[in-house]
Amino acid sequence: MLACGPSNISVDNIVEGLFGRVNCIRIGNPARIIENVLERCLDSQIAANSGNWKNEVKKLQSTRKRLSKGGTKQERKALYGEIKQIRDEIYRLQEQVI
C-alpha cells in the first residue's frame, strides 16, 4: 500500500494512524518529519541496521574471494552454501527495514 499527502504533516498523520496496525515506512527528509514518526523514517531504519548489513557484506566479499582462489569441489560447494546463508541473512535484514 502506498499513501501520499499534500504536505509533510499530512503524511506524518497517516503514519501515526497506521503505526502499530500496519508495518509502514515514512520516506522523506528526516528534518521535516515530526518526532513521533521519526523512528519509522527510512533513513532511521537504515541507520539502525547498517552495522549489521556492513558486517554481512564484508562476510560475503571475503567468502567470494576465498571462492575465487579455487579449491576442491567440496570446498567450493561449502563456500557456495556459505554465500547462500549470508545472502539469506542480508535479505532478512532488508525485510526488517521494509
N, C-alpha and C. Protein backbone atom coordinates (compact mmCIF):
# COMPACT_ATOMS: atom_id res chain seq x y z
N MET A 1 0.84 -1.17 0.00
CA MET A 1 0.00 0.00 0.00
C MET A 1 0.89 1.23 0.00
N LEU A 2 0.49 2.22 -0.74
CA LEU A 2 1.19 3.49 -0.81
C LEU A 2 0.23 4.58 -0.36
N ALA A 3 0.67 5.41 0.55
CA ALA A 3 -0.14 6.53 0.99
C ALA A 3 0.64 7.81 0.77
N CYS A 4 -0.01 8.80 0.22
CA CYS A 4 0.61 10.09 -0.08
C CYS A 4 -0.25 11.20 0.53
N GLY A 5 0.33 12.36 0.68
CA GLY A 5 -0.41 13.51 1.19
C GLY A 5 0.14 14.79 0.61
N PRO A 6 -0.63 15.88 0.69
CA PRO A 6 -0.20 17.15 0.11
C PRO A 6 0.88 17.87 0.91
N SER A 7 1.12 17.41 2.14
CA SER A 7 2.15 18.06 2.96
C SER A 7 2.84 17.02 3.84
N ASN A 8 3.97 17.42 4.39
CA ASN A 8 4.71 16.52 5.28
C ASN A 8 3.88 16.13 6.50
N ILE A 9 3.19 17.10 7.08
CA ILE A 9 2.41 16.82 8.29
C ILE A 9 1.26 15.87 7.99
N SER A 10 0.68 15.97 6.80
CA SER A 10 -0.42 15.05 6.47
C SER A 10 0.09 13.62 6.36
N VAL A 11 1.27 13.43 5.79
CA VAL A 11 1.86 12.09 5.69
C VAL A 11 2.24 11.58 7.09
N ASP A 12 2.77 12.47 7.92
CA ASP A 12 3.09 12.08 9.30
C ASP A 12 1.84 11.63 10.05
N ASN A 13 0.73 12.31 9.83
CA ASN A 13 -0.54 11.92 10.48
C ASN A 13 -1.00 10.55 10.00
N ILE A 14 -0.82 10.27 8.72
CA ILE A 14 -1.17 8.95 8.17
C ILE A 14 -0.33 7.87 8.85
N VAL A 15 0.98 8.11 8.94
CA VAL A 15 1.88 7.12 9.56
C VAL A 15 1.52 6.92 11.03
N GLU A 16 1.22 8.00 11.75
CA GLU A 16 0.82 7.87 13.15
C GLU A 16 -0.45 7.03 13.29
N GLY A 17 -1.38 7.23 12.38
CA GLY A 17 -2.63 6.48 12.43
C GLY A 17 -2.44 5.00 12.12
N LEU A 18 -1.50 4.69 11.24
CA LEU A 18 -1.26 3.30 10.85
C LEU A 18 -0.29 2.58 11.77
N PHE A 19 0.51 3.33 12.51
CA PHE A 19 1.55 2.75 13.34
C PHE A 19 0.94 1.74 14.32
N GLY A 20 1.51 0.56 14.36
CA GLY A 20 1.03 -0.49 15.24
C GLY A 20 0.06 -1.43 14.57
N ARG A 21 -0.64 -0.94 13.55
CA ARG A 21 -1.58 -1.79 12.82
C ARG A 21 -0.98 -2.32 11.53
N VAL A 22 -0.15 -1.51 10.91
CA VAL A 22 0.46 -1.86 9.63
C VAL A 22 1.95 -1.54 9.71
N ASN A 23 2.79 -2.40 9.17
CA ASN A 23 4.22 -2.12 9.10
C ASN A 23 4.43 -1.08 8.01
N CYS A 24 4.78 0.14 8.40
CA CYS A 24 4.92 1.21 7.41
C CYS A 24 6.27 1.90 7.57
N ILE A 25 6.72 2.46 6.47
CA ILE A 25 7.97 3.21 6.43
C ILE A 25 7.66 4.60 5.90
N ARG A 26 8.14 5.62 6.58
CA ARG A 26 7.95 7.01 6.16
C ARG A 26 9.16 7.41 5.34
N ILE A 27 8.93 7.78 4.09
CA ILE A 27 10.02 8.22 3.22
C ILE A 27 9.96 9.74 3.13
N GLY A 28 11.09 10.37 3.33
CA GLY A 28 11.15 11.82 3.24
C GLY A 28 12.34 12.35 4.00
N ASN A 29 12.52 13.65 3.93
CA ASN A 29 13.62 14.31 4.61
C ASN A 29 13.40 14.23 6.12
N PRO A 30 14.32 13.60 6.86
CA PRO A 30 14.14 13.46 8.31
C PRO A 30 13.98 14.80 9.04
N ALA A 31 14.51 15.87 8.49
CA ALA A 31 14.39 17.18 9.13
C ALA A 31 12.96 17.69 9.09
N ARG A 32 12.13 17.14 8.19
CA ARG A 32 10.76 17.61 8.05
C ARG A 32 9.74 16.63 8.61
N ILE A 33 10.20 15.67 9.37
CA ILE A 33 9.32 14.64 9.93
C ILE A 33 9.17 14.89 11.43
N ILE A 34 7.93 14.79 11.93
CA ILE A 34 7.72 15.03 13.36
C ILE A 34 8.37 13.92 14.18
N GLU A 35 8.69 14.25 15.41
CA GLU A 35 9.45 13.34 16.28
C GLU A 35 8.77 12.00 16.49
N ASN A 36 7.45 11.97 16.62
CA ASN A 36 6.73 10.72 16.86
C ASN A 36 6.88 9.73 15.72
N VAL A 37 7.13 10.22 14.52
CA VAL A 37 7.19 9.38 13.32
C VAL A 37 8.63 9.09 12.91
N LEU A 38 9.56 9.81 13.50
CA LEU A 38 10.97 9.72 13.09
C LEU A 38 11.51 8.30 13.12
N GLU A 39 11.08 7.49 14.08
CA GLU A 39 11.59 6.11 14.16
C GLU A 39 11.10 5.26 12.99
N ARG A 40 10.02 5.65 12.31
CA ARG A 40 9.51 4.93 11.15
C ARG A 40 10.08 5.48 9.85
N CYS A 41 10.95 6.45 9.94
CA CYS A 41 11.59 7.06 8.76
C CYS A 41 12.59 6.06 8.15
N LEU A 42 12.62 5.99 6.83
CA LEU A 42 13.51 5.06 6.14
C LEU A 42 14.96 5.28 6.54
N ASP A 43 15.38 6.54 6.62
CA ASP A 43 16.76 6.83 7.00
C ASP A 43 17.09 6.31 8.39
N SER A 44 16.16 6.44 9.33
CA SER A 44 16.38 5.93 10.69
C SER A 44 16.48 4.41 10.70
N GLN A 45 15.62 3.76 9.92
CA GLN A 45 15.63 2.30 9.86
C GLN A 45 16.94 1.78 9.27
N ILE A 46 17.42 2.44 8.24
CA ILE A 46 18.68 2.03 7.61
C ILE A 46 19.84 2.25 8.56
N ALA A 47 19.86 3.40 9.23
CA ALA A 47 20.94 3.70 10.17
C ALA A 47 20.97 2.69 11.31
N ALA A 48 19.80 2.26 11.77
CA ALA A 48 19.73 1.30 12.88
C ALA A 48 20.28 -0.06 12.48
N ASN A 49 20.16 -0.42 11.21
CA ASN A 49 20.58 -1.75 10.76
C ASN A 49 21.83 -1.74 9.90
N SER A 50 22.42 -0.57 9.66
CA SER A 50 23.55 -0.50 8.73
C SER A 50 24.77 -1.27 9.21
N GLY A 51 25.00 -1.30 10.51
CA GLY A 51 26.15 -2.05 11.03
C GLY A 51 26.03 -3.53 10.71
N ASN A 52 24.84 -4.08 10.88
CA ASN A 52 24.61 -5.48 10.56
C ASN A 52 24.81 -5.74 9.08
N TRP A 53 24.29 -4.84 8.25
CA TRP A 53 24.42 -5.02 6.79
C TRP A 53 25.88 -4.98 6.38
N LYS A 54 26.63 -4.03 6.94
CA LYS A 54 28.05 -3.90 6.58
C LYS A 54 28.81 -5.17 6.94
N ASN A 55 28.52 -5.72 8.10
CA ASN A 55 29.20 -6.96 8.50
C ASN A 55 28.90 -8.10 7.54
N GLU A 56 27.62 -8.23 7.16
CA GLU A 56 27.23 -9.31 6.25
C GLU A 56 27.85 -9.11 4.86
N VAL A 57 27.90 -7.87 4.39
CA VAL A 57 28.51 -7.60 3.08
C VAL A 57 30.00 -7.93 3.12
N LYS A 58 30.67 -7.60 4.22
CA LYS A 58 32.09 -7.94 4.36
C LYS A 58 32.29 -9.46 4.34
N LYS A 59 31.41 -10.18 5.04
CA LYS A 59 31.49 -11.64 5.03
C LYS A 59 31.30 -12.18 3.61
N LEU A 60 30.35 -11.60 2.90
CA LEU A 60 30.07 -12.04 1.54
C LEU A 60 31.28 -11.81 0.64
N GLN A 61 31.89 -10.64 0.73
CA GLN A 61 33.06 -10.34 -0.08
C GLN A 61 34.22 -11.27 0.25
N SER A 62 34.42 -11.53 1.53
CA SER A 62 35.51 -12.43 1.95
C SER A 62 35.28 -13.84 1.43
N THR A 63 34.05 -14.31 1.50
CA THR A 63 33.74 -15.67 1.04
C THR A 63 33.91 -15.77 -0.47
N ARG A 64 33.47 -14.74 -1.19
CA ARG A 64 33.65 -14.73 -2.65
C ARG A 64 35.13 -14.75 -3.01
N LYS A 65 35.94 -14.04 -2.25
CA LYS A 65 37.38 -14.00 -2.50
C LYS A 65 37.99 -15.39 -2.30
N ARG A 66 37.58 -16.07 -1.22
CA ARG A 66 38.07 -17.43 -0.98
C ARG A 66 37.62 -18.37 -2.10
N LEU A 67 36.41 -18.16 -2.60
CA LEU A 67 35.89 -18.99 -3.69
C LEU A 67 36.69 -18.79 -4.97
N SER A 68 37.10 -17.55 -5.21
CA SER A 68 37.85 -17.26 -6.44
C SER A 68 39.24 -17.90 -6.44
N LYS A 69 39.74 -18.26 -5.28
CA LYS A 69 41.06 -18.89 -5.18
C LYS A 69 41.02 -20.36 -5.57
N GLY A 70 39.82 -20.88 -5.79
CA GLY A 70 39.70 -22.28 -6.20
C GLY A 70 39.57 -23.20 -5.02
N GLY A 71 40.06 -24.41 -5.19
CA GLY A 71 39.96 -25.42 -4.15
C GLY A 71 39.28 -26.66 -4.70
N THR A 72 39.07 -27.59 -3.83
CA THR A 72 38.42 -28.83 -4.26
C THR A 72 36.94 -28.58 -4.49
N LYS A 73 36.29 -29.55 -5.11
CA LYS A 73 34.87 -29.43 -5.39
C LYS A 73 34.07 -29.30 -4.09
N GLN A 74 34.46 -30.05 -3.07
CA GLN A 74 33.78 -30.00 -1.77
C GLN A 74 33.94 -28.63 -1.12
N GLU A 75 35.15 -28.07 -1.20
CA GLU A 75 35.39 -26.76 -0.61
C GLU A 75 34.55 -25.68 -1.31
N ARG A 76 34.51 -25.74 -2.64
CA ARG A 76 33.71 -24.76 -3.39
C ARG A 76 32.23 -24.90 -3.06
N LYS A 77 31.77 -26.14 -2.95
CA LYS A 77 30.37 -26.38 -2.62
C LYS A 77 30.05 -25.80 -1.23
N ALA A 78 30.94 -25.99 -0.29
CA ALA A 78 30.75 -25.44 1.06
C ALA A 78 30.71 -23.92 1.02
N LEU A 79 31.59 -23.31 0.21
CA LEU A 79 31.62 -21.86 0.09
C LEU A 79 30.34 -21.33 -0.55
N TYR A 80 29.83 -22.03 -1.57
CA TYR A 80 28.56 -21.63 -2.17
C TYR A 80 27.42 -21.69 -1.14
N GLY A 81 27.45 -22.70 -0.29
CA GLY A 81 26.45 -22.81 0.77
C GLY A 81 26.56 -21.65 1.75
N GLU A 82 27.80 -21.28 2.07
CA GLU A 82 28.03 -20.15 2.97
C GLU A 82 27.53 -18.85 2.34
N ILE A 83 27.79 -18.67 1.05
CA ILE A 83 27.31 -17.48 0.35
C ILE A 83 25.78 -17.41 0.39
N LYS A 84 25.13 -18.54 0.19
CA LYS A 84 23.67 -18.57 0.23
C LYS A 84 23.16 -18.15 1.61
N GLN A 85 23.79 -18.64 2.67
CA GLN A 85 23.38 -18.28 4.03
C GLN A 85 23.56 -16.78 4.28
N ILE A 86 24.68 -16.23 3.81
CA ILE A 86 24.94 -14.80 4.01
C ILE A 86 23.90 -13.97 3.25
N ARG A 87 23.60 -14.37 2.01
CA ARG A 87 22.58 -13.66 1.24
C ARG A 87 21.22 -13.72 1.93
N ASP A 88 20.87 -14.88 2.46
CA ASP A 88 19.61 -15.01 3.18
C ASP A 88 19.56 -14.07 4.37
N GLU A 89 20.67 -13.93 5.07
CA GLU A 89 20.73 -13.01 6.21
C GLU A 89 20.58 -11.57 5.75
N ILE A 90 21.20 -11.20 4.64
CA ILE A 90 21.07 -9.85 4.10
C ILE A 90 19.62 -9.58 3.74
N TYR A 91 18.95 -10.54 3.09
CA TYR A 91 17.54 -10.37 2.74
C TYR A 91 16.68 -10.23 4.00
N ARG A 92 17.01 -10.99 5.04
CA ARG A 92 16.26 -10.89 6.28
C ARG A 92 16.42 -9.51 6.90
N LEU A 93 17.63 -8.97 6.86
CA LEU A 93 17.87 -7.63 7.39
C LEU A 93 17.11 -6.58 6.58
N GLN A 94 17.04 -6.78 5.26
CA GLN A 94 16.27 -5.87 4.42
C GLN A 94 14.80 -5.88 4.80
N GLU A 95 14.27 -7.06 5.04
CA GLU A 95 12.85 -7.18 5.39
C GLU A 95 12.54 -6.50 6.71
N GLN A 96 13.51 -6.43 7.62
CA GLN A 96 13.29 -5.74 8.88
C GLN A 96 13.09 -4.25 8.65
N VAL A 97 13.78 -3.71 7.64
CA VAL A 97 13.67 -2.29 7.34
C VAL A 97 12.41 -2.02 6.54
N ILE A 98 12.15 -2.85 5.58
CA ILE A 98 11.00 -2.63 4.70
C ILE A 98 9.82 -3.25 5.31
